[in-house]
Amino acid sequence: MPALLLIQDWPLPYEARLDERPASAIDLVVVHCTELPDMQLAREFGEKVRYDKGTGNSGHFYVDRDGSVFRFVAETRVANQTFGYNARSIGIELVNRGRYPYWNDTRHQAFTEPYTEEQIDSLRALLGRLKNDLPNLRYIAGHEDLDRRLEPAADDPSTLLRRRQDPGPLFPWDQVLDGSGLERLHPEDEAKD
């Protein structure tokens, strides 16, 4: 694990238009896969305005394959990254092809690109930093754990596919959770808390 985590600030053009929140409101980290081939396309996707407020969809942090970490959105801003969980969470995107470019095709639902050791090391260091800086951070989840909505497949509308399957089956949960001080959140368990 890197001794010192270098985070490169690269704020999105609309960052100041995102809602503010206190650090104490954050209790969850959501891990994503960009499902895009590289950081350049991930950035272009994040910069695209999709809402009347002049904002778009993005995580807070992006971890490239070489372990480089970029902050697109400050932790105290609410990024649009996980339906229903934005106000309480930090989104971390790992650059990975996922199902690109066939996200919604029944014939291409397998994740085949493993996450790099450098990405996982940087992710673990980033989680340690966030755990130290955010007083109420307790949970971690995959996007797939939280967004279980279905949509018709592009190639066969009679088949419903999960909209989100990231970070996917190749994500090393045991390695990431080990020593993180975070517990995995499953929505079905929250009602029991």
C-alpha atoms as a PDB file:
ATOM      1  CA  MET A   1       0.000   0.000   0.000  1.00  0.00           C
ATOM      2  CA  PRO A   2       1.388   3.435  -0.854  1.00  0.00           C
ATOM      3  CA  ALA A   3       2.810   5.239   2.185  1.00  0.00           C
ATOM      4  CA  LEU A   4       1.481   8.562   0.927  1.00  0.00           C
ATOM      5  CA  LEU A   5      -1.631   8.860  -1.188  1.00  0.00           C
ATOM      6  CA  LEU A   6      -1.420  11.605  -3.784  1.00  0.00           C
ATOM      7  CA  ILE A   7      -4.853  12.898  -4.757  1.00  0.00           C
ATOM      8  CA  GLN A   8      -4.907  15.097  -7.839  1.00  0.00           C
ATOM      9  CA  ASP A   9      -7.686  17.681  -7.730  1.00  0.00           C
ATOM     10  CA  TRP A  10      -9.520  17.882 -11.061  1.00  0.00           C
ATOM     11  CA  PRO A  11     -12.875  19.466 -10.188  1.00  0.00           C
ATOM     12  CA  LEU A  12     -15.751  19.124 -12.584  1.00  0.00           C
ATOM     13  CA  PRO A  13     -16.862  22.413 -14.180  1.00  0.00           C
ATOM     14  CA  TYR A  14     -20.220  22.241 -12.375  1.00  0.00           C
ATOM     15  CA  GLU A  15     -18.916  21.203  -8.943  1.00  0.00           C
ATOM     16  CA  ALA A  16     -20.031  24.495  -7.297  1.00  0.00           C
ATOM     17  CA  ARG A  17     -23.631  23.801  -8.416  1.00  0.00           C
ATOM     18  CA  LEU A  18     -23.793  20.508  -6.516  1.00  0.00           C
ATOM     19  CA  ASP A  19     -25.542  20.624  -3.141  1.00  0.00           C
ATOM     20  CA  GLU A  20     -23.352  21.072  -0.072  1.00  0.00           C
ATOM     21  CA  ARG A  21     -23.474  18.853   3.006  1.00  0.00           C
ATOM     22  CA  PRO A  22     -21.554  18.552   6.266  1.00  0.00           C
ATOM     23  CA  ALA A  23     -18.887  15.858   6.527  1.00  0.00           C
ATOM     24  CA  SER A  24     -20.926  14.363   9.370  1.00  0.00           C
ATOM     25  CA  ALA A  25     -23.703  13.437   6.885  1.00  0.00           C
ATOM     26  CA  ILE A  26     -21.434  10.896   5.141  1.00  0.00           C
ATOM     27  CA  ASP A  27     -21.595   7.335   6.426  1.00  0.00           C
ATOM     28  CA  LEU A  28     -21.162   5.334   3.207  1.00  0.00           C
ATOM     29  CA  VAL A  29     -18.658   4.780   0.389  1.00  0.00           C
ATOM     30  CA  VAL A  30     -20.000   3.363  -2.877  1.00  0.00           C
ATOM     31  CA  VAL A  31     -17.527   1.593  -5.169  1.00  0.00           C
ATOM     32  CA  HIS A  32     -18.188   1.825  -8.902  1.00  0.00           C
ATOM     33  CA  CYS A  33     -16.656   0.587 -12.133  1.00  0.00           C
ATOM     34  CA  THR A  34     -16.581   3.259 -14.852  1.00  0.00           C
ATOM     35  CA  GLU A  35     -17.491   0.684 -17.520  1.00  0.00           C
ATOM     36  CA  LEU A  36     -15.512   2.843 -19.937  1.00  0.00           C
ATOM     37  CA  PRO A  37     -12.154   2.121 -21.583  1.00  0.00           C
ATOM     38  CA  ASP A  38     -10.089   4.931 -20.054  1.00  0.00           C
ATOM     39  CA  MET A  39      -9.905   7.995 -17.820  1.00  0.00           C
ATOM     40  CA  GLN A  40     -10.451  10.372 -20.734  1.00  0.00           C
ATOM     41  CA  LEU A  41     -13.897   8.932 -21.515  1.00  0.00           C
ATOM     42  CA  ALA A  42     -14.728   8.763 -17.803  1.00  0.00           C
ATOM     43  CA  ARG A  43     -13.944  12.467 -17.539  1.00  0.00           C
ATOM     44  CA  GLU A  44     -16.020  13.305 -20.623  1.00  0.00           C
ATOM     45  CA  PHE A  45     -18.939  11.331 -19.165  1.00  0.00           C
ATOM     46  CA  GLY A  46     -18.616  13.155 -15.836  1.00  0.00           C
ATOM     47  CA  GLU A  47     -18.510  16.591 -17.476  1.00  0.00           C
ATOM     48  CA  LYS A  48     -21.684  16.038 -19.489  1.00  0.00           C
ATOM     49  CA  VAL A  49     -24.565  18.127 -18.129  1.00  0.00           C
ATOM     50  CA  ARG A  50     -27.666  15.969 -17.677  1.00  0.00           C
ATOM     51  CA  TYR A  51     -29.859  17.959 -15.276  1.00  0.00           C
ATOM     52  CA  ASP A  52     -31.647  21.332 -15.364  1.00  0.00           C
ATOM     53  CA  LYS A  53     -29.468  22.460 -12.462  1.00  0.00           C
ATOM     54  CA  GLY A  54     -26.476  22.290 -14.823  1.00  0.00           C
ATOM     55  CA  THR A  55     -24.928  19.187 -13.250  1.00  0.00           C
ATOM     56  CA  GLY A  56     -24.242  15.627 -14.366  1.00  0.00           C
ATOM     57  CA  ASN A  57     -23.364  12.148 -13.097  1.00  0.00           C
ATOM     58  CA  SER A  58     -20.024  11.558 -11.455  1.00  0.00           C
ATOM     59  CA  GLY A  59     -18.231   9.960  -8.559  1.00  0.00           C
ATOM     60  CA  HIS A  60     -16.156  11.983  -6.105  1.00  0.00           C
ATOM     61  CA  PHE A  61     -12.913  10.091  -6.733  1.00  0.00           C
ATOM     62  CA  TYR A  62     -11.548   8.205  -9.751  1.00  0.00           C
ATOM     63  CA  VAL A  63      -8.793   5.598  -9.537  1.00  0.00           C
ATOM     64  CA  ASP A  64      -6.999   4.866 -12.803  1.00  0.00           C
ATOM     65  CA  ARG A  65      -5.390   1.530 -13.659  1.00  0.00           C
ATOM     66  CA  ASP A  66      -1.931   2.774 -12.614  1.00  0.00           C
ATOM     67  CA  GLY A  67      -3.266   3.738  -9.169  1.00  0.00           C
ATOM     68  CA  SER A  68      -3.507   7.485  -9.862  1.00  0.00           C
ATOM     69  CA  VAL A  69      -6.312   9.083  -7.846  1.00  0.00           C
ATOM     70  CA  PHE A  70      -8.293  12.099  -9.039  1.00  0.00           C
ATOM     71  CA  ARG A  71     -10.875  14.101  -7.088  1.00  0.00           C
ATOM     72  CA  PHE A  72     -13.672  15.296  -9.407  1.00  0.00           C
ATOM     73  CA  VAL A  73     -16.020  16.411  -6.619  1.00  0.00           C
ATOM     74  CA  ALA A  74     -15.219  17.567  -3.069  1.00  0.00           C
ATOM     75  CA  GLU A  75     -16.392  15.282  -0.298  1.00  0.00           C
ATOM     76  CA  THR A  76     -18.729  17.967   1.084  1.00  0.00           C
ATOM     77  CA  ARG A  77     -20.653  18.161  -2.206  1.00  0.00           C
ATOM     78  CA  VAL A  78     -23.398  15.709  -3.162  1.00  0.00           C
ATOM     79  CA  ALA A  79     -22.410  13.953  -6.400  1.00  0.00           C
ATOM     80  CA  ASN A  80     -25.004  12.212  -8.571  1.00  0.00           C
ATOM     81  CA  GLN A  81     -23.608   8.702  -8.464  1.00  0.00           C
ATOM     82  CA  THR A  82     -25.990   6.248  -6.770  1.00  0.00           C
ATOM     83  CA  PHE A  83     -29.765   6.608  -7.016  1.00  0.00           C
ATOM     84  CA  GLY A  84     -31.244   7.040  -3.537  1.00  0.00           C
ATOM     85  CA  TYR A  85     -27.889   7.215  -1.698  1.00  0.00           C
ATOM     86  CA  ASN A  86     -26.212  10.399  -2.951  1.00  0.00           C
ATOM     87  CA  ALA A  87     -26.799  12.581   0.123  1.00  0.00           C
ATOM     88  CA  ARG A  88     -25.027  10.161   2.468  1.00  0.00           C
ATOM     89  CA  SER A  89     -22.265   8.721   0.291  1.00  0.00           C
ATOM     90  CA  ILE A  90     -18.901   9.198  -1.361  1.00  0.00           C
ATOM     91  CA  GLY A  91     -18.622   7.619  -4.823  1.00  0.00           C
ATOM     92  CA  ILE A  92     -15.324   6.042  -5.896  1.00  0.00           C
ATOM     93  CA  GLU A  93     -15.011   5.058  -9.562  1.00  0.00           C
ATOM     94  CA  LEU A  94     -12.412   2.511 -10.695  1.00  0.00           C
ATOM     95  CA  VAL A  95     -11.433   2.778 -14.354  1.00  0.00           C
ATOM     96  CA  ASN A  96     -12.367  -0.566 -15.901  1.00  0.00           C
ATOM     97  CA  ARG A  97     -14.063  -1.601 -19.157  1.00  0.00           C
ATOM     98  CA  GLY A  98     -16.797  -3.584 -17.430  1.00  0.00           C
ATOM     99  CA  ARG A  99     -19.358  -4.413 -20.132  1.00  0.00           C
ATOM    100  CA  TYR A 100     -18.348  -1.508 -22.404  1.00  0.00           C
ATOM    101  CA  PRO A 101     -19.856  -0.718 -24.878  1.00  0.00           C
ATOM    102  CA  TYR A 102     -22.659  -3.286 -24.587  1.00  0.00           C
ATOM    103  CA  TRP A 103     -24.022  -2.433 -21.124  1.00  0.00           C
ATOM    104  CA  ASN A 104     -27.588  -3.299 -22.031  1.00  0.00           C
ATOM    105  CA  ASP A 105     -27.105  -6.321 -24.317  1.00  0.00           C
ATOM    106  CA  THR A 106     -27.924  -9.790 -22.987  1.00  0.00           C
ATOM    107  CA  ARG A 107     -24.987 -11.285 -24.913  1.00  0.00           C
ATOM    108  CA  HIS A 108     -22.364  -9.086 -23.232  1.00  0.00           C
ATOM    109  CA  GLN A 109     -22.974  -9.056 -19.492  1.00  0.00           C
ATOM    110  CA  ALA A 110     -19.663 -10.569 -18.351  1.00  0.00           C
ATOM    111  CA  PHE A 111     -16.956  -8.487 -16.666  1.00  0.00           C
ATOM    112  CA  THR A 112     -13.615  -9.717 -18.000  1.00  0.00           C
ATOM    113  CA  GLU A 113     -11.030  -7.088 -16.956  1.00  0.00           C
ATOM    114  CA  PRO A 114      -9.522  -7.638 -13.500  1.00  0.00           C
ATOM    115  CA  TYR A 115      -8.784  -4.619 -11.327  1.00  0.00           C
ATOM    116  CA  THR A 116      -5.071  -3.867 -11.087  1.00  0.00           C
ATOM    117  CA  GLU A 117      -3.036  -4.277  -7.931  1.00  0.00           C
ATOM    118  CA  GLU A 118      -2.185  -0.563  -8.148  1.00  0.00           C
ATOM    119  CA  GLN A 119      -5.891   0.358  -8.217  1.00  0.00           C
ATOM    120  CA  ILE A 120      -6.697  -1.785  -5.208  1.00  0.00           C
ATOM    121  CA  ASP A 121      -3.703  -0.444  -3.249  1.00  0.00           C
ATOM    122  CA  SER A 122      -4.768   3.145  -3.977  1.00  0.00           C
ATOM    123  CA  LEU A 123      -8.395   2.363  -3.176  1.00  0.00           C
ATOM    124  CA  ARG A 124      -7.385   0.921   0.197  1.00  0.00           C
ATOM    125  CA  ALA A 125      -5.242   3.982   0.947  1.00  0.00           C
ATOM    126  CA  LEU A 126      -8.090   6.285  -0.080  1.00  0.00           C
ATOM    127  CA  LEU A 127     -10.549   4.400   2.133  1.00  0.00           C
ATOM    128  CA  GLY A 128      -8.116   4.771   5.045  1.00  0.00           C
ATOM    129  CA  ARG A 129      -7.893   8.508   4.456  1.00  0.00           C
ATOM    130  CA  LEU A 130     -11.673   8.876   4.191  1.00  0.00           C
ATOM    131  CA  LYS A 131     -12.226   6.789   7.336  1.00  0.00           C
ATOM    132  CA  ASN A 132      -9.831   9.110   9.171  1.00  0.00           C
ATOM    133  CA  ASP A 133     -11.351  12.345   7.788  1.00  0.00           C
ATOM    134  CA  LEU A 134     -15.078  11.557   7.914  1.00  0.00           C
ATOM    135  CA  PRO A 135     -16.270  11.038  11.500  1.00  0.00           C
ATOM    136  CA  ASN A 136     -19.354   8.938  10.729  1.00  0.00           C
ATOM    137  CA  LEU A 137     -18.036   6.803   7.872  1.00  0.00           C
ATOM    138  CA  ARG A 138     -19.105   3.254   8.668  1.00  0.00           C
ATOM    139  CA  TYR A 139     -20.282   1.459   5.513  1.00  0.00           C
ATOM    140  CA  ILE A 140     -19.081   0.449   2.077  1.00  0.00           C
ATOM    141  CA  ALA A 141     -21.152  -0.992  -0.775  1.00  0.00           C
ATOM    142  CA  GLY A 142     -20.937  -1.742  -4.446  1.00  0.00           C
ATOM    143  CA  HIS A 143     -23.194   0.147  -6.833  1.00  0.00           C
ATOM    144  CA  GLU A 144     -24.748  -3.231  -7.612  1.00  0.00           C
ATOM    145  CA  ASP A 145     -25.735  -3.642  -3.936  1.00  0.00           C
ATOM    146  CA  LEU A 146     -27.740  -0.413  -3.892  1.00  0.00           C
ATOM    147  CA  ASP A 147     -29.243   0.073  -7.347  1.00  0.00           C
ATOM    148  CA  ARG A 148     -31.230  -3.036  -8.221  1.00  0.00           C
ATOM    149  CA  ARG A 149     -33.525  -1.464 -10.800  1.00  0.00           C
ATOM    150  CA  LEU A 150     -34.196  -3.448 -13.983  1.00  0.00           C
ATOM    151  CA  GLU A 151     -34.553  -2.270 -17.570  1.00  0.00           C
ATOM    152  CA  PRO A 152     -35.410  -3.981 -20.859  1.00  0.00           C
ATOM    153  CA  ALA A 153     -32.411  -5.326 -22.759  1.00  0.00           C
ATOM    154  CA  ALA A 154     -31.551  -3.495 -25.991  1.00  0.00           C
ATOM    155  CA  ASP A 155     -31.357  -6.723 -27.992  1.00  0.00           C
ATOM    156  CA  ASP A 156     -34.405  -8.381 -26.378  1.00  0.00           C
ATOM    157  CA  PRO A 157     -36.886  -6.024 -24.671  1.00  0.00           C
ATOM    158  CA  SER A 158     -38.731  -9.002 -23.177  1.00  0.00           C
ATOM    159  CA  THR A 159     -35.643  -9.649 -21.013  1.00  0.00           C
ATOM    160  CA  LEU A 160     -34.979  -7.409 -18.028  1.00  0.00           C
ATOM    161  CA  LEU A 161     -31.379  -6.718 -17.047  1.00  0.00           C
ATOM    162  CA  ARG A 162     -29.990  -5.111 -13.913  1.00  0.00           C
ATOM    163  CA  ARG A 163     -29.028  -1.510 -14.694  1.00  0.00           C
ATOM    164  CA  ARG A 164     -25.979  -1.633 -12.416  1.00  0.00           C
ATOM    165  CA  GLN A 165     -23.643  -4.551 -11.915  1.00  0.00           C
ATOM    166  CA  ASP A 166     -20.546  -2.721 -10.752  1.00  0.00           C
ATOM    167  CA  PRO A 167     -17.966  -3.051  -9.440  1.00  0.00           C
ATOM    168  CA  GLY A 168     -18.761  -6.560 -10.653  1.00  0.00           C
ATOM    169  CA  PRO A 169     -17.709 -10.137  -9.929  1.00  0.00           C
ATOM    170  CA  LEU A 170     -13.958  -9.512 -10.342  1.00  0.00           C
ATOM    171  CA  PHE A 171     -13.821  -6.927  -7.546  1.00  0.00           C
ATOM    172  CA  PRO A 172     -11.752  -8.286  -4.585  1.00  0.00           C
ATOM    173  CA  TRP A 173     -14.115  -7.493  -1.712  1.00  0.00           C
ATOM    174  CA  ASP A 174     -12.214  -9.505   0.926  1.00  0.00           C
ATOM    175  CA  GLN A 175      -8.941  -7.725   0.139  1.00  0.00           C
ATOM    176  CA  VAL A 176     -10.577  -4.282   0.163  1.00  0.00           C
ATOM    177  CA  LEU A 177     -12.539  -4.852   3.379  1.00  0.00           C
ATOM    178  CA  ASP A 178      -9.581  -6.325   5.280  1.00  0.00           C
ATOM    179  CA  GLY A 179      -8.444  -3.727   7.812  1.00  0.00           C
ATOM    180  CA  SER A 180     -10.658  -0.982   6.346  1.00  0.00           C
ATOM    181  CA  GLY A 181     -12.772  -0.481   9.467  1.00  0.00           C
ATOM    182  CA  LEU A 182     -15.824  -0.440   7.182  1.00  0.00           C
ATOM    183  CA  GLU A 183     -18.645  -2.930   6.967  1.00  0.00           C
ATOM    184  CA  ARG A 184     -20.412  -3.946   3.796  1.00  0.00           C
ATOM    185  CA  LEU A 185     -23.876  -2.444   3.507  1.00  0.00           C
ATOM    186  CA  HIS A 186     -26.715  -4.400   1.995  1.00  0.00           C
ATOM    187  CA  PRO A 187     -30.007  -2.455   1.850  1.00  0.00           C
ATOM    188  CA  GLU A 188     -32.007  -5.409   3.094  1.00  0.00           C
ATOM    189  CA  ASP A 189     -29.937  -5.313   6.306  1.00  0.00           C
ATOM    190  CA  GLU A 190     -30.542  -1.615   6.973  1.00  0.00           C
ATOM    191  CA  ALA A 191     -34.112  -2.124   8.119  1.00  0.00           C
ATOM    192  CA  LYS A 192     -32.715  -4.378  10.874  1.00  0.00           C
ATOM    193  CA  ASP A 193     -30.333  -1.692  12.246  1.00  0.00           C
END
